[in-house]
N, C-alpha and C. Protein backbone atom coordinates (compact mmCIF):
# COMPACT_ATOMS: atom_id res chain seq x y z
N MET A 1 0.83 -1.18 -0.01
CA MET A 1 0.02 -0.01 0.00
C MET A 1 0.89 1.27 0.01
N VAL A 2 0.46 2.24 -0.76
CA VAL A 2 1.22 3.48 -0.87
C VAL A 2 0.79 4.44 0.23
N ASN A 3 1.78 4.97 0.95
CA ASN A 3 1.47 5.92 1.99
C ASN A 3 2.01 7.29 1.64
N VAL A 4 1.16 8.29 1.48
CA VAL A 4 1.60 9.61 1.12
C VAL A 4 1.62 10.51 2.38
N ILE A 5 2.74 11.11 2.63
CA ILE A 5 2.95 11.96 3.73
C ILE A 5 2.74 13.44 3.26
N LYS A 6 1.81 14.14 3.93
CA LYS A 6 1.52 15.50 3.51
C LYS A 6 1.97 16.45 4.62
N GLN A 7 2.77 17.44 4.24
CA GLN A 7 3.36 18.44 5.14
C GLN A 7 3.07 19.82 4.61
N GLU A 8 2.47 20.68 5.41
CA GLU A 8 2.13 22.03 4.99
C GLU A 8 3.40 22.88 4.87
N VAL A 9 3.46 23.69 3.84
CA VAL A 9 4.60 24.59 3.61
C VAL A 9 4.04 26.03 3.74
N ARG A 10 4.57 26.76 4.63
CA ARG A 10 4.11 28.17 4.85
C ARG A 10 4.58 29.06 3.75
N MET A 11 3.73 30.03 3.37
CA MET A 11 4.12 31.01 2.37
C MET A 11 5.15 31.99 2.99
N GLU A 12 6.19 32.27 2.25
CA GLU A 12 7.19 33.20 2.68
C GLU A 12 6.52 34.54 2.97
N GLU A 13 6.91 35.16 4.07
CA GLU A 13 6.26 36.36 4.54
C GLU A 13 6.34 37.51 3.58
N SER A 14 7.54 37.68 2.95
CA SER A 14 7.68 38.79 1.99
C SER A 14 6.78 38.60 0.76
N LEU A 15 6.59 37.40 0.30
CA LEU A 15 5.74 37.09 -0.85
C LEU A 15 4.26 37.37 -0.41
N LYS A 16 3.89 36.99 0.78
CA LYS A 16 2.54 37.23 1.25
C LYS A 16 2.26 38.74 1.36
N LYS A 17 3.20 39.47 1.89
CA LYS A 17 3.00 40.94 1.97
C LYS A 17 2.92 41.60 0.64
N ARG A 18 3.72 41.14 -0.33
CA ARG A 18 3.63 41.75 -1.68
C ARG A 18 2.27 41.47 -2.29
N LEU A 19 1.77 40.22 -2.19
CA LEU A 19 0.47 39.88 -2.73
C LEU A 19 -0.65 40.69 -2.05
N GLU A 20 -0.63 40.80 -0.71
CA GLU A 20 -1.60 41.54 -0.02
C GLU A 20 -1.54 43.05 -0.38
N PHE A 21 -0.38 43.59 -0.60
CA PHE A 21 -0.24 45.01 -0.95
C PHE A 21 -0.82 45.22 -2.36
N ILE A 22 -0.56 44.35 -3.30
CA ILE A 22 -1.10 44.50 -4.65
C ILE A 22 -2.60 44.37 -4.63
N CYS A 23 -3.13 43.44 -3.90
CA CYS A 23 -4.57 43.25 -3.77
C CYS A 23 -5.25 44.42 -3.11
N GLU A 24 -4.62 44.96 -2.10
CA GLU A 24 -5.16 46.15 -1.41
C GLU A 24 -5.25 47.35 -2.38
N PHE A 25 -4.19 47.48 -3.17
CA PHE A 25 -4.09 48.58 -4.13
C PHE A 25 -5.21 48.44 -5.17
N CYS A 26 -5.54 47.19 -5.55
CA CYS A 26 -6.58 46.93 -6.56
C CYS A 26 -7.99 46.77 -5.95
N ARG A 27 -8.05 46.92 -4.63
CA ARG A 27 -9.31 46.81 -3.87
C ARG A 27 -10.00 45.47 -4.07
N VAL A 28 -9.25 44.43 -3.91
CA VAL A 28 -9.76 43.05 -3.90
C VAL A 28 -9.26 42.30 -2.71
N LYS A 29 -9.96 41.29 -2.32
CA LYS A 29 -9.58 40.51 -1.15
C LYS A 29 -9.08 39.10 -1.61
N PRO A 30 -7.81 38.77 -1.34
CA PRO A 30 -7.31 37.47 -1.72
C PRO A 30 -7.67 36.41 -0.72
N ILE A 31 -7.81 35.18 -1.19
CA ILE A 31 -7.87 34.00 -0.28
C ILE A 31 -6.55 33.24 -0.54
N ILE A 32 -5.80 33.09 0.53
CA ILE A 32 -4.47 32.45 0.41
C ILE A 32 -4.54 31.09 1.06
N ILE A 33 -4.11 30.10 0.29
CA ILE A 33 -4.08 28.67 0.79
C ILE A 33 -2.65 28.18 0.67
N ASN A 34 -2.03 27.84 1.76
CA ASN A 34 -0.67 27.37 1.79
C ASN A 34 -0.51 26.08 0.97
N GLY A 35 0.66 25.94 0.35
CA GLY A 35 0.97 24.73 -0.38
C GLY A 35 1.36 23.56 0.53
N ASN A 36 1.60 22.43 -0.08
CA ASN A 36 1.98 21.22 0.71
C ASN A 36 3.22 20.57 0.06
N LEU A 37 3.91 19.79 0.86
CA LEU A 37 4.97 18.97 0.40
C LEU A 37 4.46 17.54 0.54
N ARG A 38 4.31 16.83 -0.57
CA ARG A 38 3.82 15.48 -0.53
C ARG A 38 4.94 14.51 -0.86
N THR A 39 5.16 13.55 0.05
CA THR A 39 6.22 12.54 -0.10
C THR A 39 5.62 11.18 -0.05
N ILE A 40 6.03 10.34 -0.95
CA ILE A 40 5.61 8.87 -0.89
C ILE A 40 6.57 8.17 0.02
N ASP A 41 6.01 7.55 1.06
CA ASP A 41 6.82 6.90 2.11
C ASP A 41 7.67 5.79 1.50
N LYS A 42 8.85 5.67 1.98
CA LYS A 42 9.83 4.72 1.60
C LYS A 42 10.37 4.82 0.15
N THR A 43 10.23 6.08 -0.41
CA THR A 43 10.76 6.32 -1.74
C THR A 43 11.43 7.69 -1.67
N ASN A 44 12.04 8.13 -2.79
CA ASN A 44 12.64 9.43 -2.81
C ASN A 44 11.75 10.37 -3.70
N LEU A 45 10.47 10.03 -3.90
CA LEU A 45 9.57 10.85 -4.70
C LEU A 45 8.91 11.90 -3.84
N THR A 46 9.02 13.16 -4.28
CA THR A 46 8.46 14.28 -3.54
C THR A 46 7.81 15.24 -4.53
N TYR A 47 6.72 15.82 -4.16
CA TYR A 47 6.01 16.81 -5.00
C TYR A 47 5.73 18.04 -4.16
N LEU A 48 6.13 19.23 -4.64
CA LEU A 48 5.85 20.48 -3.92
C LEU A 48 4.62 21.09 -4.58
N GLU A 49 3.54 21.14 -3.82
CA GLU A 49 2.26 21.70 -4.29
C GLU A 49 2.37 23.24 -4.09
N PRO A 50 2.08 24.04 -5.12
CA PRO A 50 2.24 25.47 -5.01
C PRO A 50 1.16 26.07 -4.05
N HIS A 51 1.46 27.31 -3.59
CA HIS A 51 0.45 28.06 -2.80
C HIS A 51 -0.62 28.53 -3.78
N ARG A 52 -1.86 28.51 -3.28
CA ARG A 52 -2.97 28.99 -4.18
C ARG A 52 -3.48 30.33 -3.63
N ILE A 53 -3.66 31.25 -4.51
CA ILE A 53 -4.23 32.59 -4.17
C ILE A 53 -5.43 32.74 -5.07
N ILE A 54 -6.58 32.86 -4.46
CA ILE A 54 -7.84 33.03 -5.20
C ILE A 54 -8.27 34.50 -5.14
N ILE A 55 -8.29 35.13 -6.29
CA ILE A 55 -8.72 36.50 -6.42
C ILE A 55 -9.75 36.64 -7.53
N ASN A 56 -10.91 37.15 -7.18
CA ASN A 56 -12.01 37.31 -8.22
C ASN A 56 -12.32 36.05 -8.95
N ASP A 57 -12.34 34.88 -8.22
CA ASP A 57 -12.64 33.62 -8.83
C ASP A 57 -11.56 33.12 -9.79
N ILE A 58 -10.41 33.66 -9.77
CA ILE A 58 -9.29 33.25 -10.54
C ILE A 58 -8.25 32.66 -9.58
N THR A 59 -7.77 31.47 -9.87
CA THR A 59 -6.74 30.81 -9.04
C THR A 59 -5.39 31.09 -9.56
N PHE A 60 -4.57 31.69 -8.71
CA PHE A 60 -3.15 31.96 -9.02
C PHE A 60 -2.28 30.96 -8.21
N LEU A 61 -1.21 30.49 -8.81
CA LEU A 61 -0.31 29.62 -8.10
C LEU A 61 1.00 30.26 -7.93
N ALA A 62 1.61 30.11 -6.75
CA ALA A 62 2.89 30.75 -6.45
C ALA A 62 3.78 29.82 -5.63
N PHE A 63 5.06 30.00 -5.84
CA PHE A 63 6.09 29.28 -5.08
C PHE A 63 6.90 30.25 -4.26
N ASN A 64 7.40 29.81 -3.11
CA ASN A 64 8.29 30.68 -2.29
C ASN A 64 9.55 30.99 -3.11
N TYR A 65 10.10 32.18 -2.93
CA TYR A 65 11.34 32.60 -3.53
C TYR A 65 11.32 32.61 -5.08
N TYR A 66 10.15 32.86 -5.61
CA TYR A 66 9.97 32.86 -7.10
C TYR A 66 9.26 34.14 -7.49
N ASN A 67 9.74 34.84 -8.48
CA ASN A 67 9.24 36.17 -8.85
C ASN A 67 8.13 36.08 -9.93
N GLU A 68 7.67 34.95 -10.21
CA GLU A 68 6.60 34.81 -11.22
C GLU A 68 5.42 34.13 -10.49
N ILE A 69 4.20 34.44 -10.98
CA ILE A 69 2.99 33.83 -10.52
C ILE A 69 2.28 33.17 -11.70
N PHE A 70 1.68 32.03 -11.44
CA PHE A 70 0.98 31.29 -12.53
C PHE A 70 -0.52 31.49 -12.44
N ILE A 71 -1.11 31.53 -13.62
CA ILE A 71 -2.56 31.78 -13.73
C ILE A 71 -3.25 30.46 -14.07
N GLU A 72 -4.05 29.94 -13.12
CA GLU A 72 -4.84 28.73 -13.26
C GLU A 72 -4.00 27.44 -13.36
N ASN A 73 -2.90 27.43 -14.11
CA ASN A 73 -2.08 26.23 -14.21
C ASN A 73 -0.64 26.65 -14.42
N LEU A 74 0.28 25.69 -14.51
CA LEU A 74 1.70 26.04 -14.58
C LEU A 74 2.13 26.40 -15.99
N ASN A 75 1.25 26.45 -16.94
CA ASN A 75 1.59 26.86 -18.29
C ASN A 75 1.53 28.34 -18.53
N ASN A 76 0.66 29.06 -17.81
CA ASN A 76 0.45 30.49 -17.95
C ASN A 76 1.10 31.24 -16.78
N LYS A 77 2.11 32.01 -17.09
CA LYS A 77 2.76 32.74 -16.02
C LYS A 77 2.98 34.21 -16.37
N ILE A 78 3.02 35.00 -15.30
CA ILE A 78 3.31 36.42 -15.47
C ILE A 78 4.26 36.80 -14.33
N LYS A 79 4.94 37.90 -14.47
CA LYS A 79 5.78 38.39 -13.39
C LYS A 79 4.87 38.95 -12.28
N LEU A 80 5.33 38.77 -11.06
CA LEU A 80 4.57 39.25 -9.94
C LEU A 80 4.28 40.73 -9.97
N SER A 81 5.22 41.49 -10.57
CA SER A 81 5.03 42.91 -10.76
C SER A 81 3.93 43.25 -11.75
N GLU A 82 3.56 42.31 -12.62
CA GLU A 82 2.50 42.56 -13.61
C GLU A 82 1.09 42.11 -13.08
N LEU A 83 1.06 41.58 -11.87
CA LEU A 83 -0.25 41.12 -11.36
C LEU A 83 -1.21 42.28 -11.22
N GLU A 84 -0.80 43.42 -10.83
CA GLU A 84 -1.72 44.57 -10.66
C GLU A 84 -2.43 44.87 -12.02
N ASN A 85 -1.67 44.94 -13.10
CA ASN A 85 -2.29 45.21 -14.43
C ASN A 85 -3.19 44.05 -14.84
N TYR A 86 -2.82 42.87 -14.54
CA TYR A 86 -3.70 41.72 -14.88
C TYR A 86 -5.01 41.80 -14.17
N LEU A 87 -4.98 42.14 -12.88
CA LEU A 87 -6.25 42.27 -12.08
C LEU A 87 -7.11 43.43 -12.58
N LYS A 88 -6.47 44.53 -12.97
CA LYS A 88 -7.28 45.67 -13.43
C LYS A 88 -7.99 45.42 -14.73
N TYR A 89 -7.34 44.70 -15.65
CA TYR A 89 -7.83 44.61 -17.01
C TYR A 89 -8.48 43.27 -17.35
N ASN A 90 -8.59 42.35 -16.36
CA ASN A 90 -9.25 41.05 -16.57
C ASN A 90 -10.35 40.81 -15.61
């Protein structure tokens, strides 16, 4: 039987503050869900689940120490500095 170990990963404080500042400037309220580290027991397989930020029913994905944010999936990305313009015009 496969045993998956799930460990919560806290969002880096500076990333969280940047996101909250951008959302406050755009007058929206984000919902932040911390990511997880999933490890399959007795193997070396590990998956880092990204942090999820839900703004205006759009899910954004973010990783700690990364200057880009993903829109809905890992294929669509923008720079964190462009998030304000994305929220204003979409």
